[in-house]
Amino acid sequence: LSASIEWFNICRFFQGLAGAGGVVL
């Protein structure tokens, strides 16, 4: 739903943060 690249990049950080659970766990 991102309307700008800046917002998209912020959301990508949190997407990676959440995805890290899969690697570590």
PDB file of all heavy atoms in Angstrom:
ATOM      1  N   LEU A   1       0.812  -1.225   0.000  1.00  0.00           N
ATOM      2  CA  LEU A   1       0.000   0.000   0.000  1.00  0.00           C
ATOM      3  C   LEU A   1       0.842   1.270   0.000  1.00  0.00           C
ATOM      4  O   LEU A   1       0.288   2.375   0.028  1.00  0.00           O
ATOM      5  CB  LEU A   1      -0.929   0.009   1.224  1.00  0.00           C
ATOM      6  CG  LEU A   1      -1.935  -1.154   1.310  1.00  0.00           C
ATOM      7  CD1 LEU A   1      -2.727  -1.075   2.614  1.00  0.00           C
ATOM      8  CD2 LEU A   1      -2.873  -1.132   0.110  1.00  0.00           C
ATOM      9  N   SER A   2       2.162   1.152  -0.047  1.00  0.00           N
ATOM     10  CA  SER A   2       3.037   2.327   0.034  1.00  0.00           C
ATOM     11  C   SER A   2       2.807   3.277  -1.135  1.00  0.00           C
ATOM     12  O   SER A   2       2.732   2.858  -2.297  1.00  0.00           O
ATOM     13  CB  SER A   2       4.502   1.888   0.049  1.00  0.00           C
ATOM     14  OG  SER A   2       4.802   1.156   1.209  1.00  0.00           O
ATOM     15  N   ALA A   3       2.729   4.558  -0.808  1.00  0.00           N
ATOM     16  CA  ALA A   3       2.520   5.574  -1.833  1.00  0.00           C
ATOM     17  C   ALA A   3       3.814   6.275  -2.236  1.00  0.00           C
ATOM     18  O   ALA A   3       3.844   6.995  -3.235  1.00  0.00           O
ATOM     19  CB  ALA A   3       1.517   6.613  -1.328  1.00  0.00           C
ATOM     20  N   SER A   4       4.869   6.074  -1.485  1.00  0.00           N
ATOM     21  CA  SER A   4       6.150   6.708  -1.792  1.00  0.00           C
ATOM     22  C   SER A   4       7.275   5.720  -1.548  1.00  0.00           C
ATOM     23  O   SER A   4       7.135   4.767  -0.769  1.00  0.00           O
ATOM     24  CB  SER A   4       6.366   7.957  -0.926  1.00  0.00           C
ATOM     25  OG  SER A   4       6.538   7.592   0.428  1.00  0.00           O
ATOM     26  N   ILE A   5       8.411   5.956  -2.189  1.00  0.00           N
ATOM     27  CA  ILE A   5       9.545   5.061  -2.028  1.00  0.00           C
ATOM     28  C   ILE A   5      10.109   5.159  -0.613  1.00  0.00           C
ATOM     29  O   ILE A   5      10.606   4.160  -0.058  1.00  0.00           O
ATOM     30  CB  ILE A   5      10.644   5.376  -3.084  1.00  0.00           C
ATOM     31  CG1 ILE A   5      11.749   4.300  -3.036  1.00  0.00           C
ATOM     32  CG2 ILE A   5      11.205   6.760  -2.881  1.00  0.00           C
ATOM     33  CD1 ILE A   5      11.283   2.897  -3.281  1.00  0.00           C
ATOM     34  N   GLU A   6      10.004   6.336   0.007  1.00  0.00           N
ATOM     35  CA  GLU A   6      10.524   6.500   1.369  1.00  0.00           C
ATOM     36  C   GLU A   6       9.740   5.624   2.348  1.00  0.00           C
ATOM     37  O   GLU A   6      10.329   4.929   3.183  1.00  0.00           O
ATOM     38  CB  GLU A   6      10.445   7.970   1.801  1.00  0.00           C
ATOM     39  CG  GLU A   6      11.386   8.904   1.068  1.00  0.00           C
ATOM     40  CD  GLU A   6      10.891   9.289  -0.323  1.00  0.00           C
ATOM     41  OE1 GLU A   6       9.688   9.067  -0.613  1.00  0.00           O
ATOM     42  OE2 GLU A   6      11.702   9.814  -1.115  1.00  0.00           O
ATOM     43  N   TRP A   7       8.410   5.641   2.213  1.00  0.00           N
ATOM     44  CA  TRP A   7       7.577   4.823   3.093  1.00  0.00           C
ATOM     45  C   TRP A   7       7.802   3.341   2.806  1.00  0.00           C
ATOM     46  O   TRP A   7       7.851   2.521   3.727  1.00  0.00           O
ATOM     47  CB  TRP A   7       6.116   5.193   2.927  1.00  0.00           C
ATOM     48  CG  TRP A   7       5.177   4.360   3.750  1.00  0.00           C
ATOM     49  CD1 TRP A   7       4.266   3.447   3.305  1.00  0.00           C
ATOM     50  CD2 TRP A   7       5.072   4.355   5.185  1.00  0.00           C
ATOM     51  NE1 TRP A   7       3.598   2.863   4.354  1.00  0.00           N
ATOM     52  CE2 TRP A   7       4.069   3.405   5.523  1.00  0.00           C
ATOM     53  CE3 TRP A   7       5.728   5.043   6.203  1.00  0.00           C
ATOM     54  CZ2 TRP A   7       3.706   3.139   6.843  1.00  0.00           C
ATOM     55  CZ3 TRP A   7       5.366   4.783   7.522  1.00  0.00           C
ATOM     56  CH2 TRP A   7       4.377   3.844   7.823  1.00  0.00           C
ATOM     57  N   PHE A   8       7.943   2.997   1.535  1.00  0.00           N
ATOM     58  CA  PHE A   8       8.194   1.602   1.162  1.00  0.00           C
ATOM     59  C   PHE A   8       9.480   1.093   1.807  1.00  0.00           C
ATOM     60  O   PHE A   8       9.520  -0.017   2.348  1.00  0.00           O
ATOM     61  CB  PHE A   8       8.294   1.489  -0.363  1.00  0.00           C
ATOM     62  CG  PHE A   8       8.695   0.114  -0.849  1.00  0.00           C
ATOM     63  CD1 PHE A   8       7.758  -0.892  -0.994  1.00  0.00           C
ATOM     64  CD2 PHE A   8      10.030  -0.167  -1.165  1.00  0.00           C
ATOM     65  CE1 PHE A   8       8.136  -2.167  -1.430  1.00  0.00           C
ATOM     66  CE2 PHE A   8      10.411  -1.425  -1.603  1.00  0.00           C
ATOM     67  CZ  PHE A   8       9.450  -2.429  -1.741  1.00  0.00           C
ATOM     68  N   ASN A   9      10.529   1.904   1.768  1.00  0.00           N
ATOM     69  CA  ASN A   9      11.812   1.481   2.328  1.00  0.00           C
ATOM     70  C   ASN A   9      11.737   1.296   3.840  1.00  0.00           C
ATOM     71  O   ASN A   9      12.371   0.385   4.398  1.00  0.00           O
ATOM     72  CB  ASN A   9      12.909   2.485   1.968  1.00  0.00           C
ATOM     73  CG  ASN A   9      13.272   2.439   0.498  1.00  0.00           C
ATOM     74  OD1 ASN A   9      12.982   1.461  -0.194  1.00  0.00           O
ATOM     75  ND2 ASN A   9      13.896   3.497  -0.005  1.00  0.00           N
ATOM     76  N   ILE A  10      10.972   2.151   4.521  1.00  0.00           N
ATOM     77  CA  ILE A  10      10.775   1.983   5.964  1.00  0.00           C
ATOM     78  C   ILE A  10      10.055   0.661   6.242  1.00  0.00           C
ATOM     79  O   ILE A  10      10.429  -0.096   7.146  1.00  0.00           O
ATOM     80  CB  ILE A  10       9.977   3.169   6.545  1.00  0.00           C
ATOM     81  CG1 ILE A  10      10.815   4.453   6.494  1.00  0.00           C
ATOM     82  CG2 ILE A  10       9.536   2.873   7.987  1.00  0.00           C
ATOM     83  CD1 ILE A  10      10.047   5.701   6.867  1.00  0.00           C
ATOM     84  N   CYS A  11       9.033   0.387   5.441  1.00  0.00           N
ATOM     85  CA  CYS A  11       8.281  -0.861   5.617  1.00  0.00           C
ATOM     86  C   CYS A  11       9.155  -2.078   5.323  1.00  0.00           C
ATOM     87  O   CYS A  11       9.001  -3.137   5.954  1.00  0.00           O
ATOM     88  CB  CYS A  11       7.054  -0.877   4.702  1.00  0.00           C
ATOM     89  SG  CYS A  11       5.821   0.369   5.111  1.00  0.00           S
ATOM     90  N   ARG A  12      10.078  -1.932   4.392  1.00  0.00           N
ATOM     91  CA  ARG A  12      10.983  -3.043   4.082  1.00  0.00           C
ATOM     92  C   ARG A  12      11.887  -3.371   5.270  1.00  0.00           C
ATOM     93  O   ARG A  12      12.227  -4.531   5.495  1.00  0.00           O
ATOM     94  CB  ARG A  12      11.843  -2.689   2.859  1.00  0.00           C
ATOM     95  CG  ARG A  12      11.132  -2.870   1.547  1.00  0.00           C
ATOM     96  CD  ARG A  12      10.947  -4.323   1.207  1.00  0.00           C
ATOM     97  NE  ARG A  12      12.198  -4.927   0.712  1.00  0.00           N
ATOM     98  CZ  ARG A  12      12.360  -6.223   0.520  1.00  0.00           C
ATOM     99  NH1 ARG A  12      11.397  -7.078   0.812  1.00  0.00           N
ATOM    100  NH2 ARG A  12      13.508  -6.690   0.051  1.00  0.00           N
ATOM    101  N   PHE A  13      12.280  -2.348   6.027  1.00  0.00           N
ATOM    102  CA  PHE A  13      13.080  -2.615   7.225  1.00  0.00           C
ATOM    103  C   PHE A  13      12.300  -3.507   8.183  1.00  0.00           C
ATOM    104  O   PHE A  13      12.825  -4.505   8.699  1.00  0.00           O
ATOM    105  CB  PHE A  13      13.464  -1.307   7.924  1.00  0.00           C
ATOM    106  CG  PHE A  13      14.060  -1.520   9.294  1.00  0.00           C
ATOM    107  CD1 PHE A  13      15.391  -1.912   9.433  1.00  0.00           C
ATOM    108  CD2 PHE A  13      13.296  -1.356  10.438  1.00  0.00           C
ATOM    109  CE1 PHE A  13      15.939  -2.130  10.689  1.00  0.00           C
ATOM    110  CE2 PHE A  13      13.836  -1.571  11.701  1.00  0.00           C
ATOM    111  CZ  PHE A  13      15.168  -1.955  11.823  1.00  0.00           C
ATOM    112  N   PHE A  14      11.031  -3.161   8.426  1.00  0.00           N
ATOM    113  CA  PHE A  14      10.229  -3.950   9.362  1.00  0.00           C
ATOM    114  C   PHE A  14       9.865  -5.316   8.777  1.00  0.00           C
ATOM    115  O   PHE A  14       9.699  -6.284   9.520  1.00  0.00           O
ATOM    116  CB  PHE A  14       8.968  -3.172   9.750  1.00  0.00           C
ATOM    117  CG  PHE A  14       9.246  -2.036  10.696  1.00  0.00           C
ATOM    118  CD1 PHE A  14       9.318  -0.733  10.234  1.00  0.00           C
ATOM    119  CD2 PHE A  14       9.480  -2.285  12.048  1.00  0.00           C
ATOM    120  CE1 PHE A  14       9.589   0.314  11.104  1.00  0.00           C
ATOM    121  CE2 PHE A  14       9.756  -1.238  12.920  1.00  0.00           C
ATOM    122  CZ  PHE A  14       9.814   0.052  12.450  1.00  0.00           C
ATOM    123  N   GLN A  15       9.772  -5.400   7.458  1.00  0.00           N
ATOM    124  CA  GLN A  15       9.546  -6.695   6.830  1.00  0.00           C
ATOM    125  C   GLN A  15      10.755  -7.610   7.055  1.00  0.00           C
ATOM    126  O   GLN A  15      10.616  -8.792   7.380  1.00  0.00           O
ATOM    127  CB  GLN A  15       9.289  -6.509   5.330  1.00  0.00           C
ATOM    128  CG  GLN A  15       8.733  -7.751   4.651  1.00  0.00           C
ATOM    129  CD  GLN A  15       8.603  -7.577   3.158  1.00  0.00           C
ATOM    130  OE1 GLN A  15       9.423  -6.920   2.514  1.00  0.00           O
ATOM    131  NE2 GLN A  15       7.557  -8.156   2.581  1.00  0.00           N
ATOM    132  N   GLY A  16      11.964  -7.051   6.886  1.00  0.00           N
ATOM    133  CA  GLY A  16      13.174  -7.823   7.153  1.00  0.00           C
ATOM    134  C   GLY A  16      13.309  -8.166   8.625  1.00  0.00           C
ATOM    135  O   GLY A  16      13.699  -9.289   8.981  1.00  0.00           O
ATOM    136  N   LEU A  17      12.971  -7.204   9.504  1.00  0.00           N
ATOM    137  CA  LEU A  17      13.029  -7.434  10.944  1.00  0.00           C
ATOM    138  C   LEU A  17      12.165  -8.630  11.329  1.00  0.00           C
ATOM    139  O   LEU A  17      12.583  -9.517  12.082  1.00  0.00           O
ATOM    140  CB  LEU A  17      12.560  -6.178  11.684  1.00  0.00           C
ATOM    141  CG  LEU A  17      12.746  -6.172  13.204  1.00  0.00           C
ATOM    142  CD1 LEU A  17      14.189  -5.891  13.560  1.00  0.00           C
ATOM    143  CD2 LEU A  17      11.840  -5.118  13.834  1.00  0.00           C
ATOM    144  N   ALA A  18      10.944  -8.672  10.772  1.00  0.00           N
ATOM    145  CA  ALA A  18      10.030  -9.772  11.071  1.00  0.00           C
ATOM    146  C   ALA A  18      10.510 -11.078  10.455  1.00  0.00           C
ATOM    147  O   ALA A  18      10.434 -12.147  11.078  1.00  0.00           O
ATOM    148  CB  ALA A  18       8.627  -9.430  10.570  1.00  0.00           C
ATOM    149  N   GLY A  19      11.012 -11.009   9.223  1.00  0.00           N
ATOM    150  CA  GLY A  19      11.491 -12.212   8.555  1.00  0.00           C
ATOM    151  C   GLY A  19      12.672 -12.849   9.252  1.00  0.00           C
ATOM    152  O   GLY A  19      12.919 -14.053   9.104  1.00  0.00           O
ATOM    153  N   ALA A  20      13.404 -12.059  10.049  1.00  0.00           N
ATOM    154  CA  ALA A  20      14.556 -12.592  10.769  1.00  0.00           C
ATOM    155  C   ALA A  20      14.166 -13.694  11.740  1.00  0.00           C
ATOM    156  O   ALA A  20      14.976 -14.570  12.065  1.00  0.00           O
ATOM    157  CB  ALA A  20      15.266 -11.469  11.530  1.00  0.00           C
ATOM    158  N   GLY A  21      12.909 -13.641  12.214  1.00  0.00           N
ATOM    159  CA  GLY A  21      12.449 -14.684  13.122  1.00  0.00           C
ATOM    160  C   GLY A  21      12.579 -16.069  12.505  1.00  0.00           C
ATOM    161  O   GLY A  21      12.885 -17.050  13.198  1.00  0.00           O
ATOM    162  N   GLY A  22      12.344 -16.167  11.204  1.00  0.00           N
ATOM    163  CA  GLY A  22      12.441 -17.451  10.527  1.00  0.00           C
ATOM    164  C   GLY A  22      13.852 -17.994  10.523  1.00  0.00           C
ATOM    165  O   GLY A  22      14.070 -19.193  10.724  1.00  0.00           O
ATOM    166  N   VAL A  23      14.836 -17.120  10.288  1.00  0.00           N
ATOM    167  CA  VAL A  23      16.236 -17.555  10.241  1.00  0.00           C
ATOM    168  C   VAL A  23      16.704 -18.024  11.611  1.00  0.00           C
ATOM    169  O   VAL A  23      17.214 -19.144  11.777  1.00  0.00           O
ATOM    170  CB  VAL A  23      17.153 -16.406   9.755  1.00  0.00           C
ATOM    171  CG1 VAL A  23      18.597 -16.871   9.703  1.00  0.00           C
ATOM    172  CG2 VAL A  23      16.712 -15.914   8.398  1.00  0.00           C
ATOM    173  N   VAL A  24      16.519 -17.173  12.602  1.00  0.00           N
ATOM    174  CA  VAL A  24      17.094 -17.440  13.917  1.00  0.00           C
ATOM    175  C   VAL A  24      16.380 -18.585  14.629  1.00  0.00           C
ATOM    176  O   VAL A  24      17.004 -19.424  15.292  1.00  0.00           O
ATOM    177  CB  VAL A  24      17.101 -16.151  14.767  1.00  0.00           C
ATOM    178  CG1 VAL A  24      15.709 -15.719  15.151  1.00  0.00           C
ATOM    179  CG2 VAL A  24      17.964 -16.324  16.012  1.00  0.00           C
ATOM    180  N   LEU A  25      15.057 -18.659  14.475  1.00  0.00           N
ATOM    181  CA  LEU A  25      14.305 -19.666  15.228  1.00  0.00           C
ATOM    182  C   LEU A  25      14.348 -21.035  14.573  1.00  0.00           C
ATOM    183  O   LEU A  25      14.187 -22.050  15.259  1.00  0.00           O
ATOM    184  CB  LEU A  25      12.864 -19.195  15.417  1.00  0.00           C
ATOM    185  CG  LEU A  25      12.761 -17.993  16.368  1.00  0.00           C
ATOM    186  CD1 LEU A  25      11.369 -17.381  16.346  1.00  0.00           C
ATOM    187  CD2 LEU A  25      13.115 -18.396  17.791  1.00  0.00           C
TER     188      LEU A  25
END
